Amino acid sequence: MTFAKINGQEIFYTDSGGNGPVVILAHGFLMDQTMFDAQVAALSPEFRVITWDERGCGQTKWDGKDFSYWDSADDCLGLMDHLGINKCVIGGMSQGGFLTMRAALKAPERVNALILIDTAADNDNEETLAGYRMMVDTWVQHGPVPDLTGVIANII
């Protein structure tokens, strides 16, 4: 298992290695980096593909402190620093897209291109936010559903 200490967090990540162009992928809400296993397998012959677990997801623990998508963007940029990556393609699905866009806004000189999958740039309305809160409360109470990760990964 590979972890990096970034912004006070122990961030879990995978790195396919290789000398090809670098692609970093950020997973969706309540998912983990395994959702990109098929993409890593397909891209790895030509690209160095890095996936990571965002705070509170997969193998990256949540320290109980509030954080924002801007903090997650800093985690993405910090992972690039940790791995010695000056510039790369960054992409994300849903929530991963939220933080990916913020990383590009914070450090456009470090981004070759964006991959945005089923994401949005506008703010969520109160009804949507309430739904997210309910999902998070359920997640905290009952934990992840491993089969769901595989199902969603196969859809994309």
Protein backbone atom coordinates (compact mmCIF):
# COMPACT_ATOMS: atom_id res chain seq x y z
CA MET A 1 0.00 0.00 0.00
CA THR A 2 1.34 3.40 -0.98
CA PHE A 3 0.54 6.50 1.05
CA ALA A 4 1.80 10.08 0.86
CA LYS A 5 1.64 12.65 3.67
CA ILE A 6 -0.10 15.60 2.00
CA ASN A 7 -1.62 18.61 3.77
CA GLY A 8 -1.60 16.71 7.07
CA GLN A 9 -3.42 13.72 5.54
CA GLU A 10 -2.23 10.20 4.72
CA ILE A 11 -3.41 9.96 1.11
CA PHE A 12 -3.53 6.52 -0.52
CA TYR A 13 -2.60 6.36 -4.20
CA THR A 14 -1.67 3.97 -6.97
CA ASP A 15 0.89 4.63 -9.70
CA SER A 16 1.08 2.47 -12.82
CA GLY A 17 4.62 3.70 -13.43
CA GLY A 18 6.14 4.10 -16.85
CA ASN A 19 7.54 6.97 -18.85
CA GLY A 20 4.42 7.99 -20.78
CA PRO A 21 2.45 11.19 -20.23
CA VAL A 22 0.97 11.39 -16.73
CA VAL A 23 -2.77 11.16 -16.09
CA ILE A 24 -4.16 11.61 -12.56
CA LEU A 25 -7.74 10.47 -11.94
CA ALA A 26 -10.01 11.49 -9.03
CA HIS A 27 -13.01 9.31 -8.14
CA GLY A 28 -16.66 10.20 -7.58
CA PHE A 29 -18.66 10.83 -4.40
CA LEU A 30 -18.41 8.01 -1.83
CA MET A 31 -16.31 5.92 -4.23
CA ASP A 32 -12.60 5.12 -4.23
CA GLN A 33 -9.77 4.86 -6.73
CA THR A 34 -10.71 1.30 -7.70
CA MET A 35 -13.52 2.73 -9.84
CA PHE A 36 -10.81 3.47 -12.43
CA ASP A 37 -9.25 -0.03 -12.53
CA ALA A 38 -10.46 -0.68 -16.09
CA GLN A 39 -9.19 2.71 -17.28
CA VAL A 40 -5.82 2.16 -15.60
CA ALA A 41 -5.50 -1.22 -17.34
CA ALA A 42 -6.43 0.28 -20.73
CA LEU A 43 -4.25 3.39 -20.46
CA SER A 44 -1.15 2.02 -18.69
CA PRO A 45 0.63 0.72 -21.79
CA GLU A 46 0.96 4.29 -23.08
CA PHE A 47 0.43 6.52 -20.02
CA ARG A 48 1.58 6.73 -16.43
CA VAL A 49 -1.76 6.61 -14.60
CA ILE A 50 -2.17 7.70 -10.99
CA THR A 51 -5.35 7.19 -8.99
CA TRP A 52 -5.96 8.20 -5.40
CA ASP A 53 -8.45 7.96 -2.57
CA GLU A 54 -9.80 11.32 -1.51
CA ARG A 55 -10.24 12.16 2.19
CA GLY A 56 -12.58 9.73 3.92
CA CYS A 57 -12.79 7.38 0.95
CA GLY A 58 -11.21 4.01 0.31
CA GLN A 59 -7.93 3.68 2.17
CA THR A 60 -7.54 7.40 2.93
CA LYS A 61 -8.92 8.01 6.39
CA TRP A 62 -10.93 11.06 7.37
CA ASP A 63 -9.53 12.94 10.36
CA GLY A 64 -12.96 14.31 11.32
CA LYS A 65 -12.12 17.86 10.26
CA ASP A 66 -14.21 19.79 7.75
CA PHE A 67 -12.69 20.19 4.30
CA SER A 68 -13.79 21.62 0.97
CA TYR A 69 -13.30 20.78 -2.69
CA TRP A 70 -10.61 23.46 -2.65
CA ASP A 71 -8.79 21.44 0.04
CA SER A 72 -9.18 18.33 -2.11
CA ALA A 73 -7.74 20.28 -5.06
CA ASP A 74 -4.75 21.10 -2.85
CA ASP A 75 -4.45 17.38 -2.08
CA CYS A 76 -4.34 16.63 -5.82
CA LEU A 77 -1.67 19.28 -6.40
CA GLY A 78 0.20 18.04 -3.32
CA LEU A 79 0.18 14.51 -4.73
CA MET A 80 1.70 15.90 -7.92
CA ASP A 81 4.42 17.55 -5.80
CA HIS A 82 5.02 14.35 -3.83
CA LEU A 83 5.47 12.39 -7.07
CA GLY A 84 7.65 15.06 -8.71
CA ILE A 85 5.07 15.78 -11.41
CA ASN A 86 5.28 19.33 -12.72
CA LYS A 87 2.50 19.14 -15.31
CA CYS A 88 -0.03 16.49 -16.34
CA VAL A 89 -3.56 15.65 -17.42
CA ILE A 90 -5.96 15.56 -14.47
CA GLY A 91 -9.42 14.12 -14.58
CA GLY A 92 -12.31 13.28 -12.36
CA MET A 93 -15.76 11.79 -12.26
CA SER A 94 -18.56 13.69 -10.47
CA GLN A 95 -17.02 14.91 -7.18
CA GLY A 96 -13.60 14.15 -8.67
CA GLY A 97 -14.44 16.62 -11.43
CA PHE A 98 -15.32 19.27 -8.85
CA LEU A 99 -11.87 19.08 -7.30
CA THR A 100 -10.14 18.65 -10.66
CA MET A 101 -11.61 21.92 -11.97
CA ARG A 102 -10.52 23.67 -8.77
CA ALA A 103 -6.99 22.30 -9.11
CA ALA A 104 -6.88 23.66 -12.67
CA LEU A 105 -8.10 27.06 -11.46
CA LYS A 106 -5.49 27.13 -8.67
CA ALA A 107 -2.58 26.04 -10.85
CA PRO A 108 -3.42 26.26 -14.57
CA GLU A 109 0.25 26.14 -15.46
CA ARG A 110 0.39 22.57 -14.09
CA VAL A 111 -2.49 21.16 -16.15
CA ASN A 112 -2.08 19.94 -19.74
CA ALA A 113 -5.74 18.99 -20.07
CA LEU A 114 -8.85 18.13 -18.06
CA ILE A 115 -10.92 14.95 -18.24
CA LEU A 116 -14.38 15.73 -16.85
CA ILE A 117 -16.82 12.83 -16.48
CA ASP A 118 -20.43 13.41 -15.35
CA THR A 119 -19.58 16.53 -13.37
CA ALA A 120 -20.71 20.14 -13.16
CA ALA A 121 -19.20 23.55 -12.60
CA ASP A 122 -22.19 25.23 -10.96
CA ASN A 123 -23.25 25.14 -7.31
CA ASP A 124 -25.73 22.55 -6.09
CA ASN A 125 -29.12 23.72 -4.87
CA GLU A 126 -30.31 23.14 -1.29
CA GLU A 127 -32.36 20.07 -2.23
CA THR A 128 -29.33 18.39 -3.79
CA LEU A 129 -27.11 19.34 -0.85
CA ALA A 130 -29.67 17.87 1.57
CA GLY A 131 -29.59 14.63 -0.42
CA TYR A 132 -25.79 14.53 -0.19
CA ARG A 133 -25.96 15.10 3.57
CA MET A 134 -28.38 12.19 3.90
CA MET A 135 -26.07 9.93 1.86
CA VAL A 136 -23.05 10.92 3.96
CA ASP A 137 -24.95 10.27 7.20
CA THR A 138 -25.94 6.82 5.91
CA TRP A 139 -22.37 6.17 4.76
CA VAL A 140 -20.96 7.09 8.17
CA GLN A 141 -23.54 4.95 9.94
CA HIS A 142 -23.35 1.84 7.73
CA GLY A 143 -20.08 2.07 5.80
CA PRO A 144 -19.39 1.49 2.10
CA VAL A 145 -21.14 -1.02 -0.13
CA PRO A 146 -18.24 -2.79 -1.93
CA ASP A 147 -20.40 -4.18 -4.75
CA LEU A 148 -21.59 -0.68 -5.65
CA THR A 149 -18.05 0.42 -6.49
CA GLY A 150 -17.72 -2.38 -9.02
CA VAL A 151 -21.11 -1.71 -10.58
CA ILE A 152 -20.45 2.00 -11.07
CA ALA A 153 -16.92 1.35 -12.33
CA ASN A 154 -18.29 -0.97 -15.01
CA ILE A 155 -20.82 1.64 -16.12
CA ILE A 156 -18.15 4.21 -16.97
